[in-house]
Amino acid sequence: MEIELRQEKTEDYRTVEELTREAFWNHFGPGCFEHYLVHIMRDSQAFVKELDIVALHNDKIVGNIMYTKAFVLGDDGTKREVLCFGPLAVLPEFQGRGVGRKLIEYTKAKAKELGYKAILITGDPEYYKRAGFVPAENFSIGTSWDTYAAALLACELEAGALDGCSGRFFEDEIYNIDQRPAEEFDKTFPPKEKITGLPTQARFNQLVNMNRPRT
C-alpha cells in the first residue's frame, strides 16, 4: 500500500481531529477524548511541530502522530529531556496495514536528526515492541507516581541514552484532559454511540492494573 508521509498543515487540523476520533472511539472506554487532545496539543509549549506527521493514501489522510517534550526526573535529582508521542491515530479501515509502524519509524529517525535521545510512551507492549520499544523498567524508569508499569515503554534513539537514567517519567500536563471542555468539543462532531464491554477496553484495564511499586 502506497503511503506518503508529510508534516501536518493548518488546513489538515479538522480532518486529523476527525480521524483521531474515529480511531479511538470506544477503544479505551465509552467514547473518547483523544481528538480534543489533538485539538489543544498544537498550542502547547511542549508540542514538537516538526514531528507532527500525517500519513496519506491516495491523497487521503489516514493516520497521524504527534509528539511532545517530556522528561525523566532521576533519583539523583537530574532532569533529562525525552520525547513522548500520542495520540498515534490510524483510521479503522487502515489499521493493521503498517501505517502506524511507518509513522513511528519515520518520526524516530527525524527525532534523532533533531537531536533527541529517547522516547517514552504509554501503550500496549504487544504492539510497540515491534517498533523497538522495551519496558521502561529495563532502565529503572517508572511512572510519575513511582511504580513500574507494564504499559510504560522506552526506546533509545542513541545507544546508551537511558543508561543511568533511573527515575520517574513525567509527560506534559496537556495529557491531563479536562473532561468538561472535552465533552463540549465532542458536540461539534456527529453523534456516535458509546459502547462498553469491548476487548480493547478489557485489554486497557488489564494493562492499567499491571503496576508495582519501584521501591
C-alpha atoms as a PDB file:
ATOM      1  CA  MET A   1       0.000   0.000   0.000  1.00  0.00           C
ATOM      2  CA  GLU A   2       1.391   3.375  -1.055  1.00  0.00           C
ATOM      3  CA  ILE A   3       1.743   5.751   1.899  1.00  0.00           C
ATOM      4  CA  GLU A   4       3.011   9.329   1.757  1.00  0.00           C
ATOM      5  CA  LEU A   5       4.270  10.998   4.931  1.00  0.00           C
ATOM      6  CA  ARG A   6       4.464  14.747   5.457  1.00  0.00           C
ATOM      7  CA  GLN A   7       4.119  17.362   8.182  1.00  0.00           C
ATOM      8  CA  GLU A   8       0.600  18.338   9.196  1.00  0.00           C
ATOM      9  CA  LYS A   9      -0.690  21.600   7.710  1.00  0.00           C
ATOM     10  CA  THR A  10      -3.157  24.064   9.228  1.00  0.00           C
ATOM     11  CA  GLU A  11      -5.799  23.009   6.714  1.00  0.00           C
ATOM     12  CA  ASP A  12      -5.442  19.400   7.928  1.00  0.00           C
ATOM     13  CA  TYR A  13      -6.436  20.158  11.516  1.00  0.00           C
ATOM     14  CA  ARG A  14     -10.113  19.228  11.450  1.00  0.00           C
ATOM     15  CA  THR A  15      -9.507  16.188   9.259  1.00  0.00           C
ATOM     16  CA  VAL A  16      -6.894  14.909  11.700  1.00  0.00           C
ATOM     17  CA  GLU A  17      -9.238  15.508  14.633  1.00  0.00           C
ATOM     18  CA  GLU A  18     -11.982  13.578  12.828  1.00  0.00           C
ATOM     19  CA  LEU A  19      -9.736  10.613  12.045  1.00  0.00           C
ATOM     20  CA  THR A  20      -8.422  10.587  15.627  1.00  0.00           C
ATOM     21  CA  ARG A  21     -11.985  10.407  16.917  1.00  0.00           C
ATOM     22  CA  GLU A  22     -12.733   7.524  14.567  1.00  0.00           C
ATOM     23  CA  ALA A  23      -9.541   5.717  15.571  1.00  0.00           C
ATOM     24  CA  PHE A  24     -10.109   5.919  19.327  1.00  0.00           C
ATOM     25  CA  TRP A  25     -13.885   5.909  19.700  1.00  0.00           C
ATOM     26  CA  ASN A  26     -14.811   3.253  22.307  1.00  0.00           C
ATOM     27  CA  HIS A  27     -11.236   1.912  22.223  1.00  0.00           C
ATOM     28  CA  PHE A  28     -10.177   2.521  25.844  1.00  0.00           C
ATOM     29  CA  GLY A  29     -13.651   3.229  27.201  1.00  0.00           C
ATOM     30  CA  PRO A  30     -17.026   4.550  26.030  1.00  0.00           C
ATOM     31  CA  GLY A  31     -16.410   7.399  23.564  1.00  0.00           C
ATOM     32  CA  CYS A  32     -13.001   9.107  23.603  1.00  0.00           C
ATOM     33  CA  PHE A  33     -11.234  12.429  24.199  1.00  0.00           C
ATOM     34  CA  GLU A  34      -8.151  11.918  22.020  1.00  0.00           C
ATOM     35  CA  HIS A  35      -9.495  14.216  19.302  1.00  0.00           C
ATOM     36  CA  TYR A  36      -9.788  17.005  21.890  1.00  0.00           C
ATOM     37  CA  LEU A  37      -6.217  16.289  22.989  1.00  0.00           C
ATOM     38  CA  VAL A  38      -5.054  16.719  19.385  1.00  0.00           C
ATOM     39  CA  HIS A  39      -7.019  19.975  19.188  1.00  0.00           C
ATOM     40  CA  ILE A  40      -5.330  21.546  22.225  1.00  0.00           C
ATOM     41  CA  MET A  41      -1.905  19.943  21.907  1.00  0.00           C
ATOM     42  CA  ARG A  42      -0.872  22.106  18.970  1.00  0.00           C
ATOM     43  CA  ASP A  43      -0.872  25.172  21.256  1.00  0.00           C
ATOM     44  CA  SER A  44       1.170  23.524  23.989  1.00  0.00           C
ATOM     45  CA  GLN A  45       4.722  24.763  24.629  1.00  0.00           C
ATOM     46  CA  ALA A  46       5.762  21.121  24.809  1.00  0.00           C
ATOM     47  CA  PHE A  47       4.439  20.361  21.305  1.00  0.00           C
ATOM     48  CA  VAL A  48       7.111  19.420  18.743  1.00  0.00           C
ATOM     49  CA  LYS A  49       5.743  20.733  15.470  1.00  0.00           C
ATOM     50  CA  GLU A  50       8.423  19.111  13.319  1.00  0.00           C
ATOM     51  CA  LEU A  51       7.218  15.674  14.473  1.00  0.00           C
ATOM     52  CA  ASP A  52       3.520  16.260  13.765  1.00  0.00           C
ATOM     53  CA  ILE A  53       3.255  13.943  10.768  1.00  0.00           C
ATOM     54  CA  VAL A  54       0.301  12.752   8.709  1.00  0.00           C
ATOM     55  CA  ALA A  55       0.075   9.642   6.537  1.00  0.00           C
ATOM     56  CA  LEU A  56      -1.761   9.845   3.231  1.00  0.00           C
ATOM     57  CA  HIS A  57      -3.073   7.148   0.893  1.00  0.00           C
ATOM     58  CA  ASN A  58      -4.286   8.362  -2.499  1.00  0.00           C
ATOM     59  CA  ASP A  59      -4.201  11.935  -1.126  1.00  0.00           C
ATOM     60  CA  LYS A  60      -6.463  10.991   1.804  1.00  0.00           C
ATOM     61  CA  ILE A  61      -5.180  11.482   5.349  1.00  0.00           C
ATOM     62  CA  VAL A  62      -5.398   8.077   7.027  1.00  0.00           C
ATOM     63  CA  GLY A  63      -3.068   8.480  10.003  1.00  0.00           C
ATOM     64  CA  ASN A  64      -1.285  10.942  12.276  1.00  0.00           C
ATOM     65  CA  ILE A  65       1.331  11.013  15.011  1.00  0.00           C
ATOM     66  CA  MET A  66       2.074  13.890  17.397  1.00  0.00           C
ATOM     67  CA  TYR A  67       4.931  14.415  19.861  1.00  0.00           C
ATOM     68  CA  THR A  68       5.522  16.461  22.985  1.00  0.00           C
ATOM     69  CA  LYS A  69       8.590  17.051  25.097  1.00  0.00           C
ATOM     70  CA  ALA A  70       8.684  15.187  28.404  1.00  0.00           C
ATOM     71  CA  PHE A  71      11.311  14.372  30.999  1.00  0.00           C
ATOM     72  CA  VAL A  72      12.671  11.788  33.376  1.00  0.00           C
ATOM     73  CA  LEU A  73      13.372  13.047  36.872  1.00  0.00           C
ATOM     74  CA  GLY A  74      16.268  10.939  38.082  1.00  0.00           C
ATOM     75  CA  ASP A  75      16.510   9.528  41.570  1.00  0.00           C
ATOM     76  CA  ASP A  76      19.640  11.673  41.826  1.00  0.00           C
ATOM     77  CA  GLY A  77      17.630  14.828  41.038  1.00  0.00           C
ATOM     78  CA  THR A  78      18.851  15.095  37.443  1.00  0.00           C
ATOM     79  CA  LYS A  79      16.216  16.105  34.889  1.00  0.00           C
ATOM     80  CA  ARG A  80      16.623  14.552  31.431  1.00  0.00           C
ATOM     81  CA  GLU A  81      14.542  15.623  28.445  1.00  0.00           C
ATOM     82  CA  VAL A  82      12.906  12.898  26.388  1.00  0.00           C
ATOM     83  CA  LEU A  83      10.095  12.742  23.852  1.00  0.00           C
ATOM     84  CA  CYS A  84       6.614  11.313  24.177  1.00  0.00           C
ATOM     85  CA  PHE A  85       4.192  10.617  21.349  1.00  0.00           C
ATOM     86  CA  GLY A  86       0.449  10.193  21.303  1.00  0.00           C
ATOM     87  CA  PRO A  87      -2.085  10.071  20.029  1.00  0.00           C
ATOM     88  CA  LEU A  88      -0.956   7.778  17.240  1.00  0.00           C
ATOM     89  CA  ALA A  89      -4.124   7.533  15.173  1.00  0.00           C
ATOM     90  CA  VAL A  90      -4.990   5.467  12.116  1.00  0.00           C
ATOM     91  CA  LEU A  91      -8.426   5.243  10.517  1.00  0.00           C
ATOM     92  CA  PRO A  92     -10.025   1.897  11.491  1.00  0.00           C
ATOM     93  CA  GLU A  93     -10.183   0.642   7.898  1.00  0.00           C
ATOM     94  CA  PHE A  94      -6.428   1.207   7.534  1.00  0.00           C
ATOM     95  CA  GLN A  95      -5.366  -0.327  10.848  1.00  0.00           C
ATOM     96  CA  GLY A  96      -3.229  -3.447  10.699  1.00  0.00           C
ATOM     97  CA  ARG A  97      -1.703  -2.397   7.375  1.00  0.00           C
ATOM     98  CA  GLY A  98       1.546  -0.881   8.609  1.00  0.00           C
ATOM     99  CA  VAL A  99       0.512   2.778   8.662  1.00  0.00           C
ATOM    100  CA  GLY A 100       1.232   3.252  12.360  1.00  0.00           C
ATOM    101  CA  ARG A 101       4.581   1.500  12.048  1.00  0.00           C
ATOM    102  CA  LYS A 102       5.588   3.786   9.156  1.00  0.00           C
ATOM    103  CA  LEU A 103       4.670   6.866  11.199  1.00  0.00           C
ATOM    104  CA  ILE A 104       6.694   5.649  14.167  1.00  0.00           C
ATOM    105  CA  GLU A 105       9.795   4.690  12.179  1.00  0.00           C
ATOM    106  CA  TYR A 106       9.763   7.921  10.175  1.00  0.00           C
ATOM    107  CA  THR A 107       9.432  10.129  13.236  1.00  0.00           C
ATOM    108  CA  LYS A 108      12.004   8.161  15.221  1.00  0.00           C
ATOM    109  CA  ALA A 109      14.560   8.885  12.516  1.00  0.00           C
ATOM    110  CA  LYS A 110      13.511  12.522  12.301  1.00  0.00           C
ATOM    111  CA  ALA A 111      13.631  12.935  16.086  1.00  0.00           C
ATOM    112  CA  LYS A 112      17.169  11.566  16.115  1.00  0.00           C
ATOM    113  CA  GLU A 113      18.137  14.074  13.404  1.00  0.00           C
ATOM    114  CA  LEU A 114      16.702  16.837  15.606  1.00  0.00           C
ATOM    115  CA  GLY A 115      18.976  15.751  18.445  1.00  0.00           C
ATOM    116  CA  TYR A 116      16.540  13.910  20.711  1.00  0.00           C
ATOM    117  CA  LYS A 117      17.969  10.907  22.536  1.00  0.00           C
ATOM    118  CA  ALA A 118      14.998   8.792  23.644  1.00  0.00           C
ATOM    119  CA  ILE A 119      11.222   8.333  23.512  1.00  0.00           C
ATOM    120  CA  LEU A 120       8.969   7.160  26.336  1.00  0.00           C
ATOM    121  CA  ILE A 121       5.306   6.332  25.849  1.00  0.00           C
ATOM    122  CA  THR A 122       2.376   4.631  27.497  1.00  0.00           C
ATOM    123  CA  GLY A 123       0.955   1.924  25.265  1.00  0.00           C
ATOM    124  CA  ASP A 124       0.391  -1.778  24.686  1.00  0.00           C
ATOM    125  CA  PRO A 125       3.762  -3.554  24.772  1.00  0.00           C
ATOM    126  CA  GLU A 126       2.483  -6.250  22.405  1.00  0.00           C
ATOM    127  CA  TYR A 127       2.170  -3.624  19.675  1.00  0.00           C
ATOM    128  CA  TYR A 128       5.056  -1.292  20.407  1.00  0.00           C
ATOM    129  CA  LYS A 129       7.729  -3.952  20.899  1.00  0.00           C
ATOM    130  CA  ARG A 130       7.566  -4.396  17.107  1.00  0.00           C
ATOM    131  CA  ALA A 131       8.686  -0.773  16.796  1.00  0.00           C
ATOM    132  CA  GLY A 132      11.719  -1.182  19.048  1.00  0.00           C
ATOM    133  CA  PHE A 133      10.171  -0.266  22.402  1.00  0.00           C
ATOM    134  CA  VAL A 134      11.043  -2.129  25.585  1.00  0.00           C
ATOM    135  CA  PRO A 135       9.758  -1.865  29.163  1.00  0.00           C
ATOM    136  CA  ALA A 136      10.952   1.367  30.770  1.00  0.00           C
ATOM    137  CA  GLU A 137      11.674  -0.777  33.810  1.00  0.00           C
ATOM    138  CA  ASN A 138      14.691  -2.088  31.889  1.00  0.00           C
ATOM    139  CA  PHE A 139      16.235   1.333  32.576  1.00  0.00           C
ATOM    140  CA  SER A 140      14.832   1.577  36.123  1.00  0.00           C
ATOM    141  CA  ILE A 141      12.354   4.217  34.936  1.00  0.00           C
ATOM    142  CA  GLY A 142       8.903   4.244  36.480  1.00  0.00           C
ATOM    143  CA  THR A 143       5.768   6.316  36.342  1.00  0.00           C
ATOM    144  CA  SER A 144       5.396   9.754  37.877  1.00  0.00           C
ATOM    145  CA  TRP A 145       3.687   8.100  40.855  1.00  0.00           C
ATOM    146  CA  ASP A 146       6.734   5.837  41.306  1.00  0.00           C
ATOM    147  CA  THR A 147       5.555   2.472  40.014  1.00  0.00           C
ATOM    148  CA  TYR A 148       6.793   0.134  37.344  1.00  0.00           C
ATOM    149  CA  ALA A 149       4.030  -0.154  34.756  1.00  0.00           C
ATOM    150  CA  ALA A 150       3.755  -2.753  32.005  1.00  0.00           C
ATOM    151  CA  ALA A 151       2.436  -0.044  29.674  1.00  0.00           C
ATOM    152  CA  LEU A 152       5.351   2.357  30.231  1.00  0.00           C
ATOM    153  CA  LEU A 153       7.743   1.786  27.359  1.00  0.00           C
ATOM    154  CA  ALA A 154      11.016   3.286  26.189  1.00  0.00           C
ATOM    155  CA  CYS A 155      13.076   3.472  23.016  1.00  0.00           C
ATOM    156  CA  GLU A 156      16.613   4.806  22.825  1.00  0.00           C
ATOM    157  CA  LEU A 157      17.365   6.837  19.719  1.00  0.00           C
ATOM    158  CA  GLU A 158      21.027   6.793  20.647  1.00  0.00           C
ATOM    159  CA  ALA A 159      22.618   3.711  22.191  1.00  0.00           C
ATOM    160  CA  GLY A 160      23.103   4.170  25.927  1.00  0.00           C
ATOM    161  CA  ALA A 161      20.950   7.306  26.081  1.00  0.00           C
ATOM    162  CA  LEU A 162      18.988   5.974  29.061  1.00  0.00           C
ATOM    163  CA  ASP A 163      21.903   4.377  30.899  1.00  0.00           C
ATOM    164  CA  GLY A 164      21.972   5.569  34.493  1.00  0.00           C
ATOM    165  CA  CYS A 165      18.581   7.228  33.999  1.00  0.00           C
ATOM    166  CA  SER A 166      16.867   5.604  36.987  1.00  0.00           C
ATOM    167  CA  GLY A 167      13.905   7.755  37.980  1.00  0.00           C
ATOM    168  CA  ARG A 168      10.328   8.752  37.197  1.00  0.00           C
ATOM    169  CA  PHE A 169       8.797   9.698  33.862  1.00  0.00           C
ATOM    170  CA  PHE A 170       6.688  12.857  33.558  1.00  0.00           C
ATOM    171  CA  GLU A 171       4.675  13.644  30.444  1.00  0.00           C
ATOM    172  CA  ASP A 172       3.413  17.143  29.722  1.00  0.00           C
ATOM    173  CA  GLU A 173       0.398  18.494  31.621  1.00  0.00           C
ATOM    174  CA  ILE A 174      -1.525  18.679  28.316  1.00  0.00           C
ATOM    175  CA  TYR A 175      -2.363  14.991  28.776  1.00  0.00           C
ATOM    176  CA  ASN A 176      -4.372  15.782  31.926  1.00  0.00           C
ATOM    177  CA  ILE A 177      -7.564  16.391  29.973  1.00  0.00           C
ATOM    178  CA  ASP A 178     -10.327  18.498  31.484  1.00  0.00           C
ATOM    179  CA  GLN A 179     -13.450  16.446  30.817  1.00  0.00           C
ATOM    180  CA  ARG A 180     -15.946  19.311  30.573  1.00  0.00           C
ATOM    181  CA  PRO A 181     -14.384  21.225  27.638  1.00  0.00           C
ATOM    182  CA  ALA A 182     -13.549  17.882  26.014  1.00  0.00           C
ATOM    183  CA  GLU A 183     -17.228  16.930  26.066  1.00  0.00           C
ATOM    184  CA  GLU A 184     -18.217  20.319  24.672  1.00  0.00           C
ATOM    185  CA  PHE A 185     -15.708  19.941  21.861  1.00  0.00           C
ATOM    186  CA  ASP A 186     -17.051  16.495  21.026  1.00  0.00           C
ATOM    187  CA  LYS A 187     -20.505  18.019  20.493  1.00  0.00           C
ATOM    188  CA  THR A 188     -19.115  19.743  17.368  1.00  0.00           C
ATOM    189  CA  PHE A 189     -18.858  16.302  15.729  1.00  0.00           C
ATOM    190  CA  PRO A 190     -21.669  13.995  14.529  1.00  0.00           C
ATOM    191  CA  PRO A 191     -23.134  11.889  17.378  1.00  0.00           C
ATOM    192  CA  LYS A 192     -21.680   8.405  17.852  1.00  0.00           C
ATOM    193  CA  GLU A 193     -22.836   5.560  20.075  1.00  0.00           C
ATOM    194  CA  LYS A 194     -20.812   4.902  23.215  1.00  0.00           C
ATOM    195  CA  ILE A 195     -20.251   1.212  23.873  1.00  0.00           C
ATOM    196  CA  THR A 196     -18.775  -0.706  26.804  1.00  0.00           C
ATOM    197  CA  GLY A 197     -17.500  -4.253  27.170  1.00  0.00           C
ATOM    198  CA  LEU A 198     -15.194  -4.325  24.136  1.00  0.00           C
ATOM    199  CA  PRO A 199     -11.987  -6.448  24.069  1.00  0.00           C
ATOM    200  CA  THR A 200      -9.801  -3.353  23.623  1.00  0.00           C
ATOM    201  CA  GLN A 201     -11.314  -1.876  26.777  1.00  0.00           C
ATOM    202  CA  ALA A 202     -10.640  -5.095  28.700  1.00  0.00           C
ATOM    203  CA  ARG A 203      -7.022  -5.051  27.497  1.00  0.00           C
ATOM    204  CA  PHE A 204      -6.644  -1.427  28.572  1.00  0.00           C
ATOM    205  CA  ASN A 205      -7.958  -2.210  32.058  1.00  0.00           C
ATOM    206  CA  GLN A 206      -5.621  -5.191  32.265  1.00  0.00           C
ATOM    207  CA  LEU A 207      -2.605  -3.020  31.466  1.00  0.00           C
ATOM    208  CA  VAL A 208      -3.689  -0.295  33.889  1.00  0.00           C
ATOM    209  CA  ASN A 209      -3.647  -2.860  36.692  1.00  0.00           C
ATOM    210  CA  MET A 210      -0.182  -4.190  35.827  1.00  0.00           C
ATOM    211  CA  ASN A 211       1.735  -1.879  38.160  1.00  0.00           C
ATOM    212  CA  ARG A 212       4.027  -2.447  41.100  1.00  0.00           C
ATOM    213  CA  PRO A 213       5.991  -0.124  43.396  1.00  0.00           C
ATOM    214  CA  ARG A 214       9.522   0.809  42.362  1.00  0.00           C
ATOM    215  CA  THR A 215      10.785   0.650  45.906  1.00  0.00           C
END
